[in-house]
Amino acid sequence: MKEFQKKIDNMFGHRDKKRDFHKNFAWFVEEVGELSKAIRIDNRENEKEEFADVLAWLFSLANARNIDLEEVFLQKYHKFCSKCGNNPCKCIKY
């Protein structure tokens, strides 16, 4: 995850830094909308592309905020569900 986040920063960071963070976030939301549409119409090939786009934009946003996603992900989801404390999750509500 850390390597991919660096790769996205090397590839797109120079452009992302020129835009306001909120504009970058809007691009992310747009990609989530495109993923939603691909899922809704059951376009599996487009789904794959949109999942990749959403992930790339998520890393871009984290880079803009100097957040190491691998580090925070492992802190929160390393061993147990963050809600019920079990693995596998046994949350009844969800």
C-alpha atoms as a PDB file:
ATOM      1  CA  MET A   1       0.000   0.000   0.000  1.00  0.00           C
ATOM      2  CA  LYS A   2       2.812   2.387   0.934  1.00  0.00           C
ATOM      3  CA  GLU A   3       4.587   1.737  -2.376  1.00  0.00           C
ATOM      4  CA  PHE A   4       1.424   2.394  -4.375  1.00  0.00           C
ATOM      5  CA  GLN A   5       0.727   5.604  -2.452  1.00  0.00           C
ATOM      6  CA  LYS A   6       4.242   6.819  -3.314  1.00  0.00           C
ATOM      7  CA  LYS A   7       3.751   5.813  -6.946  1.00  0.00           C
ATOM      8  CA  ILE A   8       0.538   7.863  -7.158  1.00  0.00           C
ATOM      9  CA  ASP A   9       2.296  10.833  -5.571  1.00  0.00           C
ATOM     10  CA  ASN A  10       5.185  10.583  -8.051  1.00  0.00           C
ATOM     11  CA  MET A  11       2.776  10.300 -10.967  1.00  0.00           C
ATOM     12  CA  PHE A  12       0.146  12.902 -10.048  1.00  0.00           C
ATOM     13  CA  GLY A  13       1.322  14.802  -6.959  1.00  0.00           C
ATOM     14  CA  HIS A  14       2.710  17.757  -8.908  1.00  0.00           C
ATOM     15  CA  ARG A  15      -0.700  18.319 -10.531  1.00  0.00           C
ATOM     16  CA  ASP A  16      -2.709  17.629  -7.378  1.00  0.00           C
ATOM     17  CA  LYS A  17      -0.700  20.204  -5.410  1.00  0.00           C
ATOM     18  CA  LYS A  18      -1.604  22.905  -7.933  1.00  0.00           C
ATOM     19  CA  ARG A  19      -5.321  22.369  -7.281  1.00  0.00           C
ATOM     20  CA  ASP A  20      -7.203  23.244  -4.131  1.00  0.00           C
ATOM     21  CA  PHE A  21      -7.757  20.201  -1.888  1.00  0.00           C
ATOM     22  CA  HIS A  22     -11.525  20.614  -2.175  1.00  0.00           C
ATOM     23  CA  LYS A  23     -11.301  20.397  -5.979  1.00  0.00           C
ATOM     24  CA  ASN A  24      -9.307  17.190  -5.637  1.00  0.00           C
ATOM     25  CA  PHE A  25     -11.940  15.881  -3.256  1.00  0.00           C
ATOM     26  CA  ALA A  26     -14.623  16.731  -5.811  1.00  0.00           C
ATOM     27  CA  TRP A  27     -12.722  14.646  -8.402  1.00  0.00           C
ATOM     28  CA  PHE A  28     -12.687  11.760  -5.906  1.00  0.00           C
ATOM     29  CA  VAL A  29     -16.439  12.051  -5.357  1.00  0.00           C
ATOM     30  CA  GLU A  30     -16.988  12.126  -9.117  1.00  0.00           C
ATOM     31  CA  GLU A  31     -15.012   8.888  -9.454  1.00  0.00           C
ATOM     32  CA  VAL A  32     -17.116   7.301  -6.701  1.00  0.00           C
ATOM     33  CA  GLY A  33     -20.202   8.336  -8.686  1.00  0.00           C
ATOM     34  CA  GLU A  34     -18.783   6.726 -11.823  1.00  0.00           C
ATOM     35  CA  LEU A  35     -18.108   3.542  -9.841  1.00  0.00           C
ATOM     36  CA  SER A  36     -21.650   3.641  -8.512  1.00  0.00           C
ATOM     37  CA  LYS A  37     -23.034   3.889 -12.032  1.00  0.00           C
ATOM     38  CA  ALA A  38     -20.858   1.018 -13.286  1.00  0.00           C
ATOM     39  CA  ILE A  39     -22.109  -1.160 -10.424  1.00  0.00           C
ATOM     40  CA  ARG A  40     -25.725  -0.115 -10.968  1.00  0.00           C
ATOM     41  CA  ILE A  41     -25.685  -1.007 -14.670  1.00  0.00           C
ATOM     42  CA  ASP A  42     -23.577  -4.131 -13.983  1.00  0.00           C
ATOM     43  CA  ASN A  43     -20.717  -3.131 -16.280  1.00  0.00           C
ATOM     44  CA  ARG A  44     -17.966  -5.334 -14.836  1.00  0.00           C
ATOM     45  CA  GLU A  45     -15.189  -4.056 -17.103  1.00  0.00           C
ATOM     46  CA  ASN A  46     -15.966  -0.434 -16.249  1.00  0.00           C
ATOM     47  CA  GLU A  47     -16.272  -1.356 -12.547  1.00  0.00           C
ATOM     48  CA  LYS A  48     -12.658  -2.524 -12.572  1.00  0.00           C
ATOM     49  CA  GLU A  49     -11.444   0.763 -14.021  1.00  0.00           C
ATOM     50  CA  GLU A  50     -13.550   2.830 -11.633  1.00  0.00           C
ATOM     51  CA  PHE A  51     -12.370   0.885  -8.575  1.00  0.00           C
ATOM     52  CA  ALA A  52      -8.804   1.673  -9.653  1.00  0.00           C
ATOM     53  CA  ASP A  53      -9.660   5.351 -10.173  1.00  0.00           C
ATOM     54  CA  VAL A  54     -11.319   5.625  -6.749  1.00  0.00           C
ATOM     55  CA  LEU A  55      -8.319   4.027  -5.065  1.00  0.00           C
ATOM     56  CA  ALA A  56      -5.866   6.285  -6.906  1.00  0.00           C
ATOM     57  CA  TRP A  57      -7.817   9.395  -5.895  1.00  0.00           C
ATOM     58  CA  LEU A  58      -8.039   8.187  -2.293  1.00  0.00           C
ATOM     59  CA  PHE A  59      -4.257   7.909  -2.210  1.00  0.00           C
ATOM     60  CA  SER A  60      -3.947  11.359  -3.794  1.00  0.00           C
ATOM     61  CA  LEU A  61      -6.158  12.861  -1.100  1.00  0.00           C
ATOM     62  CA  ALA A  62      -4.179  11.134   1.637  1.00  0.00           C
ATOM     63  CA  ASN A  63      -0.942  12.418   0.096  1.00  0.00           C
ATOM     64  CA  ALA A  64      -2.313  15.961   0.124  1.00  0.00           C
ATOM     65  CA  ARG A  65      -2.968  15.631   3.854  1.00  0.00           C
ATOM     66  CA  ASN A  66       0.347  13.818   4.559  1.00  0.00           C
ATOM     67  CA  ILE A  67      -1.482  10.709   5.742  1.00  0.00           C
ATOM     68  CA  ASP A  68       0.203   7.339   5.380  1.00  0.00           C
ATOM     69  CA  LEU A  69      -2.799   5.143   4.565  1.00  0.00           C
ATOM     70  CA  GLU A  70      -0.973   1.897   5.243  1.00  0.00           C
ATOM     71  CA  GLU A  71      -0.033   3.084   8.713  1.00  0.00           C
ATOM     72  CA  VAL A  72      -3.502   4.307   9.682  1.00  0.00           C
ATOM     73  CA  PHE A  73      -5.191   1.295   8.087  1.00  0.00           C
ATOM     74  CA  LEU A  74      -3.026  -1.129  10.067  1.00  0.00           C
ATOM     75  CA  GLN A  75      -3.587   0.836  13.270  1.00  0.00           C
ATOM     76  CA  LYS A  76      -7.343   0.585  12.871  1.00  0.00           C
ATOM     77  CA  TYR A  77      -7.789  -2.824  11.201  1.00  0.00           C
ATOM     78  CA  HIS A  78      -4.616  -4.716  12.147  1.00  0.00           C
ATOM     79  CA  LYS A  79      -6.194  -7.607  14.021  1.00  0.00           C
ATOM     80  CA  PHE A  80      -9.767  -6.960  15.058  1.00  0.00           C
ATOM     81  CA  CYS A  81     -12.970  -5.223  14.023  1.00  0.00           C
ATOM     82  CA  SER A  82     -12.744  -1.679  15.340  1.00  0.00           C
ATOM     83  CA  LYS A  83     -16.372  -1.836  16.526  1.00  0.00           C
ATOM     84  CA  CYS A  84     -16.858  -5.245  18.192  1.00  0.00           C
ATOM     85  CA  GLY A  85     -13.207  -6.231  18.727  1.00  0.00           C
ATOM     86  CA  ASN A  86     -13.612  -9.644  17.082  1.00  0.00           C
ATOM     87  CA  ASN A  87     -12.015 -11.339  14.090  1.00  0.00           C
ATOM     88  CA  PRO A  88     -14.026 -12.184  12.134  1.00  0.00           C
ATOM     89  CA  CYS A  89     -16.392  -9.320  12.869  1.00  0.00           C
ATOM     90  CA  LYS A  90     -19.485 -10.302  14.851  1.00  0.00           C
ATOM     91  CA  CYS A  91     -21.276  -6.983  14.776  1.00  0.00           C
ATOM     92  CA  ILE A  92     -24.991  -7.759  14.778  1.00  0.00           C
ATOM     93  CA  LYS A  93     -26.108  -4.310  13.667  1.00  0.00           C
ATOM     94  CA  TYR A  94     -24.301  -4.512  10.330  1.00  0.00           C
END
